C-alpha cells in the first residue's frame, strides 16, 4: 500500500510531533484549521523528560487529551525528594492546592498518545518525513522535506500560510536563521541518561521500596547533587530512568565507551543512588545523551513563523519545566495563529504577543533555575510582570522548589527585582527537611 500523499499546501505546517507540535496541531485542527504535521521519526520513539508537574493538566484539558492520559495509568508521583549538598528535603504537590497528580511518563508512549490525539482531532500526520529547510521569503512560507516512507527517499515541498517549528533540540528554523544562542555562562550542561530494570524507588515517606511495590506506594522524583552536576532518578511503570546533568567543564571529551563507563561508575559510587540500584540491571544500549542543554533563540515568532517548545529554547530540567513549556507555547502559538487567520492585518501584533509570552516563561525558568538576569535571553521586565501575576500558592511552590536545590537566592532576587520584596516574610516555605532517608 502506497503511503498517503503529502498535500502541496495547507493553512498551518508543523515541524515535529513532540508535545509542542502535537498539542498545537490538536488545538488548530479542533478549530477547523487545515493542519499538516511532518515528523522525522516514527512514533513511538525514545525520549527523556519523564517528570511532569501537575500544571500540565490545564493544557491537556484544552487540547482534549486529558481523558486519554488518565486511561493510560501512568505513574502518579507523591512529590519530590532532593539530596543537595548534604541537605535532604521533600515537597508534596498536594501541599500547594493541586488536586490532580504529577506524573512519571514513558515519553515514547506519552508523545505517541498526543500525536494520535492530534490525528483524531483532524490534523494530517506524516511520519518518517524530515523537514530540511524553510523558505520564509514572500508572503507564505515554504517547507522543504525528505520523505523516507517509500522504498527510496523523495524530496518535496509544502506551502503554508503559517509555519510552526516544534522540531525540539534540532531547532531547524533557528539554526537556519542563525538565531540559536548557547548559554554564555558557567551554566553550560550536557547530559547522559539510561534505564534500569528492578531498581528500588523512594516514596514520599523517605523510605526505599522494591520496584514491585510501585503499585502500592507512590514514588517521588528523586534528585541528587554530586561533584560534577546533578542526577535524576524517575521510576516508570516497567523500568527506572536515571540521568546525569553535567557541567560541561567537568565532562571533558568522552567517546561512547567512556560515557557509559562514567555513567555506570557515577551510579555505583553516589550515596543513596547506589543503594537504589544495588539489585538493578542496566538495560543494554539504553544510554542516550544531549550535548547542548542550555540555549535560547533570539527570533521566536514572526508574522507567519513560530518557534515553540525546545525549538525556542531550553534551560535546565531541574524543575521539570521542559514539557510544561512545550504545552504552554503550543497553546500560545495556536491561539495567535487562529486569531491571525481571522484578521490578517493584525498577525504581526499577535506574533509579538506570543513571542513576549514565550520569552517571559523562558526568562522566569532561567532566572529561577540558574540565577541569570538580563543575560542569555532573559528579560527582567518580563519576569516582573510574570511574578506580579502569580497567586501565592505558586510563589510558595517556587520558594520550596528553589530551596530544595539551594537556589532560594534566585527566587528572592526575582521577588526583589519585581518589587515584591515585602512578600518574602509572608511566603511559607513548605519544603520539609528530612533528617535521613531509609533506602
Protein backbone atom coordinates (compact mmCIF):
# COMPACT_ATOMS: atom_id res chain seq x y z
CA UNK A 1 0.00 0.00 0.00
CA UNK A 2 1.43 3.36 -1.03
CA UNK A 3 1.86 5.98 1.68
CA UNK A 4 -0.61 8.86 1.76
CA UNK A 5 0.35 11.84 -0.37
CA UNK A 6 1.59 14.93 1.41
CA UNK A 7 -0.54 17.88 0.28
CA UNK A 8 1.18 20.72 -1.60
CA UNK A 9 -0.38 23.38 0.61
CA UNK A 10 -2.19 23.86 3.93
CA UNK A 11 -3.10 26.56 6.41
CA UNK A 12 -0.50 25.53 9.04
CA UNK A 13 2.51 23.24 8.65
CA UNK A 14 4.13 21.95 11.84
CA UNK A 15 7.65 20.53 12.07
CA UNK A 16 7.85 17.85 14.75
CA UNK A 17 5.36 15.78 16.72
CA UNK A 18 6.55 16.03 20.29
CA UNK A 19 4.25 17.50 22.95
CA UNK A 20 4.56 21.01 21.46
CA UNK A 21 3.86 20.06 17.85
CA UNK A 22 1.09 17.58 18.62
CA UNK A 23 -0.65 19.93 21.06
CA UNK A 24 -0.57 22.84 18.61
CA UNK A 25 -1.89 20.51 15.89
CA UNK A 26 -4.75 19.29 18.08
CA UNK A 27 -5.79 22.82 19.02
CA UNK A 28 -5.68 24.10 15.45
CA UNK A 29 -7.45 21.07 13.98
CA UNK A 30 -10.19 21.30 16.61
CA UNK A 31 -10.70 24.90 15.48
CA UNK A 32 -11.15 23.78 11.87
CA UNK A 33 -7.72 24.88 10.65
CA UNK A 34 -6.15 22.75 7.90
CA UNK A 35 -3.08 21.45 9.73
CA UNK A 36 -0.24 19.21 8.50
CA UNK A 37 2.44 17.73 10.77
CA UNK A 38 5.75 16.39 9.46
CA UNK A 39 7.59 14.13 11.91
CA UNK A 40 11.14 12.92 11.21
CA UNK A 41 10.83 9.71 13.23
CA UNK A 42 8.15 7.07 13.62
CA UNK A 43 6.30 7.04 16.92
CA UNK A 44 6.62 5.61 19.46
CA UNK A 45 10.26 6.72 19.72
CA UNK A 46 12.54 7.14 22.76
CA UNK A 47 12.69 10.49 24.56
CA UNK A 48 13.55 11.81 28.02
CA UNK A 49 11.78 14.39 30.15
CA UNK A 50 9.62 11.88 32.01
CA UNK A 51 8.68 14.02 35.03
CA UNK A 52 5.52 16.11 34.61
CA UNK A 53 4.42 18.63 37.23
CA UNK A 54 0.63 18.91 37.73
CA UNK A 55 0.29 22.21 35.88
CA UNK A 56 0.26 20.29 32.59
CA UNK A 57 -3.35 19.12 33.05
CA UNK A 58 -4.81 22.54 32.25
CA UNK A 59 -3.22 22.38 28.81
CA UNK A 60 -4.28 18.82 28.04
CA UNK A 61 -7.77 19.85 29.11
CA UNK A 62 -7.63 22.50 26.37
CA UNK A 63 -6.44 20.02 23.73
CA UNK A 64 -8.93 17.38 24.88
CA UNK A 65 -6.24 14.77 25.64
CA UNK A 66 -6.66 14.52 29.43
CA UNK A 67 -9.05 11.56 29.45
CA UNK A 68 -6.71 9.54 27.23
CA UNK A 69 -3.78 10.32 29.54
CA UNK A 70 -5.79 9.22 32.58
CA UNK A 71 -6.69 5.94 30.87
CA UNK A 72 -3.02 5.08 30.31
CA UNK A 73 -2.34 4.55 34.02
CA UNK A 74 0.97 6.41 34.14
CA UNK A 75 2.79 6.50 37.48
CA UNK A 76 1.33 9.17 39.79
CA UNK A 77 4.08 10.61 41.95
CA UNK A 78 3.87 11.80 45.53
CA UNK A 79 6.18 14.78 45.02
CA UNK A 80 9.94 15.14 45.07
CA UNK A 81 12.87 14.48 47.38
CA UNK A 82 16.28 16.06 46.95
CA UNK A 83 19.65 15.37 48.48
CA UNK A 84 21.51 18.54 47.63
CA UNK A 85 24.91 19.39 49.08
CA UNK A 86 24.09 17.25 52.11
CA UNK A 87 20.61 18.66 52.83
CA UNK A 88 17.55 16.42 52.42
CA UNK A 89 14.19 17.99 51.56
CA UNK A 90 10.75 16.85 50.41
CA UNK A 91 7.74 18.50 48.83
CA UNK A 92 4.23 17.19 48.08
CA UNK A 93 2.19 18.94 45.39
CA UNK A 94 -0.96 18.48 47.46
CA UNK A 95 0.50 21.00 49.94
CA UNK A 96 0.11 23.66 47.28
CA UNK A 97 -3.53 23.01 46.45
CA UNK A 98 -3.12 20.68 43.46
CA UNK A 99 -5.93 18.14 43.19
CA UNK A 100 -4.64 16.26 40.14
CA UNK A 101 -1.41 14.26 40.24
CA UNK A 102 2.02 14.94 38.89
CA UNK A 103 3.13 12.04 36.69
CA UNK A 104 6.09 9.97 35.63
CA UNK A 105 5.52 9.07 31.98
CA UNK A 106 7.28 6.97 29.39
CA UNK A 107 7.77 9.64 26.79
CA UNK A 108 7.58 7.25 23.86
CA UNK A 109 4.07 6.25 24.95
CA UNK A 110 3.04 9.73 26.12
CA UNK A 111 4.18 11.50 22.95
CA UNK A 112 2.59 8.83 20.76
CA UNK A 113 -0.70 9.31 22.60
CA UNK A 114 -0.59 13.07 21.96
CA UNK A 115 0.20 12.51 18.29
CA UNK A 116 -2.66 10.06 17.87
CA UNK A 117 -4.95 12.53 19.60
CA UNK A 118 -3.94 15.29 17.19
CA UNK A 119 -4.72 12.98 14.28
CA UNK A 120 -8.11 12.11 15.83
CA UNK A 121 -8.81 15.85 16.04
CA UNK A 122 -8.30 16.15 12.28
CA UNK A 123 -4.64 17.06 11.83
CA UNK A 124 -2.92 15.27 8.94
CA UNK A 125 0.17 13.46 10.25
CA UNK A 126 3.10 12.27 8.14
CA UNK A 127 5.77 10.31 9.98
CA UNK A 128 9.25 9.48 8.67
CA UNK A 129 9.20 12.77 6.79
CA UNK A 130 12.10 15.05 7.77
CA UNK A 131 11.84 18.79 7.30
CA UNK A 132 15.08 20.02 5.74
CA UNK A 133 14.70 23.73 5.01
CA UNK A 134 12.30 26.65 5.34
CA UNK A 135 11.95 29.42 2.77
CA UNK A 136 10.44 32.40 4.55
CA UNK A 137 10.69 34.82 1.63
CA UNK A 138 7.43 36.10 0.23
CA UNK A 139 4.04 36.04 1.85
CA UNK A 140 3.78 32.32 2.51
CA UNK A 141 6.47 30.05 3.98
CA UNK A 142 7.61 27.01 2.03
CA UNK A 143 8.72 23.91 3.90
CA UNK A 144 11.03 21.50 2.11
CA UNK A 145 11.18 17.90 3.23
CA UNK A 146 12.68 14.47 2.64
CA UNK A 147 10.08 11.69 2.59
CA UNK A 148 11.56 8.37 3.76
CA UNK A 149 8.34 6.33 3.81
CA UNK A 150 8.74 4.62 0.45
CA UNK A 151 11.34 2.29 -1.00
CA UNK A 152 13.53 5.27 -1.87
CA UNK A 153 13.60 8.79 -0.34
CA UNK A 154 11.66 11.51 -2.14
CA UNK A 155 12.04 15.27 -1.92
CA UNK A 156 9.09 17.62 -1.76
CA UNK A 157 7.76 20.92 -0.52
CA UNK A 158 4.62 22.23 1.10
CA UNK A 159 3.37 25.81 1.01
CA UNK A 160 1.56 27.10 4.09
CA UNK A 161 0.08 30.28 5.45
CA UNK A 162 1.76 29.74 8.84
CA UNK A 163 4.63 27.54 9.98
CA UNK A 164 5.33 26.21 13.45
CA UNK A 165 8.79 24.87 14.25
CA UNK A 166 8.37 22.29 17.01
CA UNK A 167 11.48 20.34 16.00
CA UNK A 168 12.86 20.22 19.54
CA UNK A 169 16.61 20.42 20.05
CA UNK A 170 17.05 20.25 16.24
CA UNK A 171 15.89 23.91 16.19
CA UNK A 172 15.55 23.86 12.40
CA UNK A 173 14.38 27.45 11.90
CA UNK A 174 16.75 28.90 14.50
CA UNK A 175 19.76 27.08 13.03
CA UNK A 176 18.86 28.14 9.53
CA UNK A 177 18.41 31.78 10.59
CA UNK A 178 21.47 31.58 12.89
CA UNK A 179 19.46 32.85 15.84
CA UNK A 180 20.20 29.97 18.27
CA UNK A 181 22.49 31.03 21.13
CA UNK A 182 24.17 28.64 23.55
CA UNK A 183 24.28 29.91 27.13
CA UNK A 184 27.36 32.04 27.65
CA UNK A 185 28.00 31.41 31.32
CA UNK A 186 29.29 28.81 33.72
CA UNK A 187 25.86 27.20 33.40
CA UNK A 188 26.61 25.07 30.35
CA UNK A 189 25.48 21.48 30.55
CA UNK A 190 25.37 18.19 28.78
CA UNK A 191 23.52 15.08 29.86
CA UNK A 192 23.70 11.27 29.77
CA UNK A 193 20.80 9.02 30.73
CA UNK A 194 19.92 5.35 30.78
CA UNK A 195 17.43 2.83 32.17
CA UNK A 196 17.47 0.09 34.79
CA UNK A 197 15.33 -2.94 35.49
CA UNK A 198 14.31 -3.79 39.08
CA UNK A 199 15.57 -0.59 40.71
CA UNK A 200 14.28 0.38 44.14
CA UNK A 201 12.46 3.70 44.50
CA UNK A 202 11.85 6.35 47.13
CA UNK A 203 8.32 7.10 48.32
CA UNK A 204 7.06 10.26 49.95
CA UNK A 205 7.81 8.88 53.43
CA UNK A 206 11.53 8.96 52.66
CA UNK A 207 11.85 5.18 52.57
CA UNK A 208 13.06 2.95 49.76
CA UNK A 209 10.85 0.19 48.35
CA UNK A 210 11.38 -2.64 45.85
CA UNK A 211 10.22 -1.99 42.31
CA UNK A 212 7.31 -4.44 42.65
CA UNK A 213 5.80 -2.20 45.34
CA UNK A 214 5.30 0.59 42.81
CA UNK A 215 1.56 -0.06 42.58
CA UNK A 216 1.19 0.17 46.36
CA UNK A 217 3.40 3.16 47.15
CA UNK A 218 3.53 6.42 45.20
CA UNK A 219 7.12 7.26 44.29
CA UNK A 220 8.83 10.62 44.22
CA UNK A 221 11.13 12.18 41.67
CA UNK A 222 14.49 11.80 43.39
CA UNK A 223 17.20 14.36 42.65
CA UNK A 224 20.77 14.37 43.99
CA UNK A 225 23.66 16.76 43.58
CA UNK A 226 27.13 15.36 43.06
CA UNK A 227 30.56 16.77 42.32
CA UNK A 228 30.05 17.12 38.55
CA UNK A 229 26.41 18.28 38.48
CA UNK A 230 23.19 16.58 39.48
CA UNK A 231 21.27 13.31 38.95
CA UNK A 232 17.63 12.33 38.45
CA UNK A 233 16.00 9.01 39.41
CA UNK A 234 12.49 8.57 37.96
CA UNK A 235 10.53 5.30 38.43
CA UNK A 236 8.35 4.41 35.43
CA UNK A 237 5.85 1.58 35.02
CA UNK A 238 8.34 -1.05 33.84
CA UNK A 239 11.79 0.49 34.34
CA UNK A 240 13.61 3.38 36.03
CA UNK A 241 15.13 6.39 34.30
CA UNK A 242 18.44 7.70 35.66
CA UNK A 243 20.16 10.74 34.19
CA UNK A 244 23.23 12.85 34.85
CA UNK A 245 23.20 16.59 34.12
CA UNK A 246 26.88 17.51 33.97
CA UNK A 247 28.64 20.86 33.94
CA UNK A 248 30.35 20.95 30.57
CA UNK A 249 33.73 21.80 32.08
CA UNK A 250 33.56 18.66 34.24
CA UNK A 251 32.65 16.28 31.43
CA UNK A 252 35.67 16.54 29.16
CA UNK A 253 35.60 14.81 25.79
CA UNK A 254 34.24 11.31 26.13
CA UNK A 255 33.54 8.75 23.44
CA UNK A 256 30.66 6.27 23.73
CA UNK A 257 32.60 3.77 25.85
CA UNK A 258 33.92 6.48 28.16
CA UNK A 259 30.42 7.94 28.57
CA UNK A 260 28.99 4.55 29.52
CA UNK A 261 31.84 3.87 31.93
CA UNK A 262 31.45 7.31 33.53
CA UNK A 263 27.67 6.90 33.79
CA UNK A 264 27.78 3.49 35.45
CA UNK A 265 30.65 4.44 37.75
CA UNK A 266 28.76 7.54 38.92
CA UNK A 267 25.68 5.41 39.60
CA UNK A 268 27.80 2.95 41.61
CA UNK A 269 29.56 5.47 43.80
CA UNK A 270 26.85 8.09 44.54
CA UNK A 271 25.32 7.65 48.01
CA UNK A 272 21.61 6.73 48.07
CA UNK A 273 21.58 6.16 44.31
CA UNK A 274 23.94 3.18 44.60
CA UNK A 275 21.63 1.60 47.19
CA UNK A 276 18.58 2.12 44.97
CA UNK A 277 20.41 0.48 42.07
CA UNK A 278 22.17 -2.25 44.07
CA UNK A 279 20.00 -5.08 42.75
CA UNK A 280 19.10 -3.37 39.48
CA UNK A 281 20.29 -4.32 36.00
CA UNK A 282 21.30 -1.68 33.47
CA UNK A 283 19.35 -2.09 30.23
CA UNK A 284 21.92 -2.53 27.46
CA UNK A 285 22.07 0.06 24.68
CA UNK A 286 19.76 2.41 26.63
CA UNK A 287 22.37 5.14 27.18
CA UNK A 288 21.43 8.40 25.48
CA UNK A 289 22.82 11.91 25.57
CA UNK A 290 22.33 15.53 24.67
CA UNK A 291 25.21 17.98 24.22
CA UNK A 292 23.60 21.44 24.40
CA UNK A 293 21.29 21.53 27.38
CA UNK A 294 21.10 25.32 27.68
CA UNK A 295 20.30 27.73 24.85
CA UNK A 296 17.83 30.34 23.69
CA UNK A 297 16.54 31.59 20.34
CA UNK A 298 16.65 35.30 19.53
CA UNK A 299 13.83 35.36 16.96
CA UNK A 300 10.95 33.23 18.26
CA UNK A 301 7.90 34.49 16.39
CA UNK A 302 7.49 36.34 13.15
CA UNK A 303 4.21 37.19 11.48
CA UNK A 304 3.93 33.73 9.92
CA UNK A 305 6.62 31.57 11.62
CA UNK A 306 6.59 30.41 15.26
CA UNK A 307 9.29 28.51 17.21
CA UNK A 308 7.84 26.65 20.19
CA UNK A 309 8.90 24.15 22.83
CA UNK A 310 12.59 23.22 22.75
CA UNK A 311 12.82 24.71 19.25
CA UNK A 312 12.54 28.08 21.00
CA UNK A 313 14.94 27.48 23.91
CA UNK A 314 15.89 25.15 26.73
CA UNK A 315 17.12 25.96 30.23
CA UNK A 316 17.74 23.09 32.65
CA UNK A 317 15.44 20.18 33.55
CA UNK A 318 15.86 20.73 37.31
CA UNK A 319 12.27 22.00 37.80
CA UNK A 320 10.60 19.85 35.08
CA UNK A 321 9.69 22.92 33.04
CA UNK A 322 10.55 21.45 29.61
CA UNK A 323 7.31 19.65 28.76
CA UNK A 324 5.32 22.36 30.53
CA UNK A 325 6.93 24.95 28.24
CA UNK A 326 6.03 22.77 25.25
CA UNK A 327 2.35 22.77 26.19
CA UNK A 328 2.31 26.45 27.13
CA UNK A 329 3.98 27.70 23.95
CA UNK A 330 1.81 25.40 21.81
CA UNK A 331 -1.35 26.94 23.25
CA UNK A 332 0.00 30.45 22.70
CA UNK A 333 1.05 29.80 19.10
CA UNK A 334 -2.21 28.06 18.22
CA UNK A 335 -4.23 30.94 19.63
CA UNK A 336 -2.10 33.57 17.85
CA UNK A 337 -2.45 31.76 14.53
CA UNK A 338 -6.19 31.28 14.91
CA UNK A 339 -6.64 35.00 15.53
CA UNK A 340 -4.28 35.86 12.66
CA UNK A 341 -6.34 33.74 10.28
CA UNK A 342 -9.39 35.77 11.28
CA UNK A 343 -7.64 39.14 10.84
CA UNK A 344 -4.53 39.05 8.68
CA UNK A 345 -3.82 42.75 9.30
CA UNK A 346 -3.04 42.02 12.96
CA UNK A 347 -0.84 38.95 12.52
CA UNK A 348 2.37 40.84 13.32
CA UNK A 349 0.85 42.03 16.59
CA UNK A 350 -0.33 38.54 17.53
CA UNK A 351 3.16 37.17 16.81
CA UNK A 352 4.69 39.85 19.05
CA UNK A 353 2.34 39.00 21.91
CA UNK A 354 3.08 35.29 21.51
CA UNK A 355 6.84 35.90 21.50
CA UNK A 356 6.64 38.04 24.64
CA UNK A 357 4.69 35.34 26.49
CA UNK A 358 7.03 32.53 25.43
CA UNK A 359 10.10 34.61 26.28
CA UNK A 360 8.54 35.50 29.62
CA UNK A 361 8.26 31.83 30.61
CA UNK A 362 11.81 31.16 29.42
CA UNK A 363 13.09 34.16 31.40
CA UNK A 364 11.29 33.02 34.54
CA UNK A 365 12.58 29.46 34.17
CA UNK A 366 16.17 30.51 33.58
CA UNK A 367 16.23 33.08 36.39
CA UNK A 368 14.77 30.59 38.87
CA UNK A 369 16.98 27.66 37.84
CA UNK A 370 20.24 29.45 37.09
CA UNK A 371 20.00 32.96 38.52
CA UNK A 372 20.50 34.75 35.19
CA UNK A 373 19.13 38.29 34.84
CA UNK A 374 19.39 40.31 31.60
CA UNK A 375 21.78 37.76 30.06
CA UNK A 376 21.30 34.63 27.93
CA UNK A 377 17.96 35.81 26.59
CA UNK A 378 16.47 36.67 30.00
CA UNK A 379 14.24 39.78 30.02
CA UNK A 380 13.91 41.20 33.53
CA UNK A 381 10.86 43.30 32.66
CA UNK A 382 9.01 40.19 31.56
CA UNK A 383 9.96 38.47 34.83
CA UNK A 384 8.49 41.39 36.78
CA UNK A 385 5.12 41.05 35.07
CA UNK A 386 5.16 37.28 35.49
CA UNK A 387 5.94 37.38 39.21
CA UNK A 388 3.35 40.05 39.95
CA UNK A 389 0.62 37.93 38.31
CA UNK A 390 1.33 34.72 40.27
CA UNK A 391 -1.01 33.64 43.09
CA UNK A 392 0.52 32.96 46.49
CA UNK A 393 0.45 29.12 46.24
CA UNK A 394 2.58 29.32 43.08
CA UNK A 395 5.07 31.61 44.84
CA UNK A 396 5.19 29.13 47.73
CA UNK A 397 5.90 26.28 45.32
CA UNK A 398 8.68 28.29 43.66
CA UNK A 399 10.27 29.01 47.04
CA UNK A 400 10.08 25.38 48.14
CA UNK A 401 11.46 24.02 44.86
CA UNK A 402 14.31 26.51 44.81
CA UNK A 403 15.11 25.88 48.49
CA UNK A 404 15.43 22.13 47.85
CA UNK A 405 18.27 22.72 45.38
CA UNK A 406 19.98 25.62 47.18
CA UNK A 407 18.57 28.18 44.74
CA UNK A 408 16.26 30.17 47.01
CA UNK A 409 18.50 33.20 46.49
CA UNK A 410 17.35 33.16 42.86
CA UNK A 411 13.71 33.24 43.96
CA UNK A 412 14.32 36.07 46.42
CA UNK A 413 16.20 38.05 43.77
CA UNK A 414 13.23 37.60 41.43
CA UNK A 415 10.90 38.92 44.13
CA UNK A 416 13.15 41.90 44.79
CA UNK A 417 13.53 42.66 41.09
CA UNK A 418 9.74 42.56 40.73
CA UNK A 419 9.21 45.00 43.60
CA UNK A 420 7.74 42.24 45.77
CA UNK A 421 10.47 42.01 48.43
CA UNK A 422 7.91 42.75 51.15
CA UNK A 423 6.28 39.38 50.42
CA UNK A 424 9.41 37.43 51.37
CA UNK A 425 8.47 37.09 55.02
CA UNK A 426 4.88 36.12 54.27
CA UNK A 427 5.52 33.30 51.82
CA UNK A 428 5.58 29.97 53.63
CA UNK A 429 8.43 27.62 52.75
CA UNK A 430 6.71 24.23 52.54
CA UNK A 431 9.83 22.23 51.72
CA UNK A 432 10.12 19.77 54.58
CA UNK A 433 13.53 18.89 55.96
CA UNK A 434 14.27 15.20 56.46
CA UNK A 435 16.97 14.01 58.83
CA UNK A 436 17.79 10.96 56.73
CA UNK A 437 16.49 8.54 54.10
CA UNK A 438 15.96 4.82 54.70
CA UNK A 439 16.88 3.41 51.34
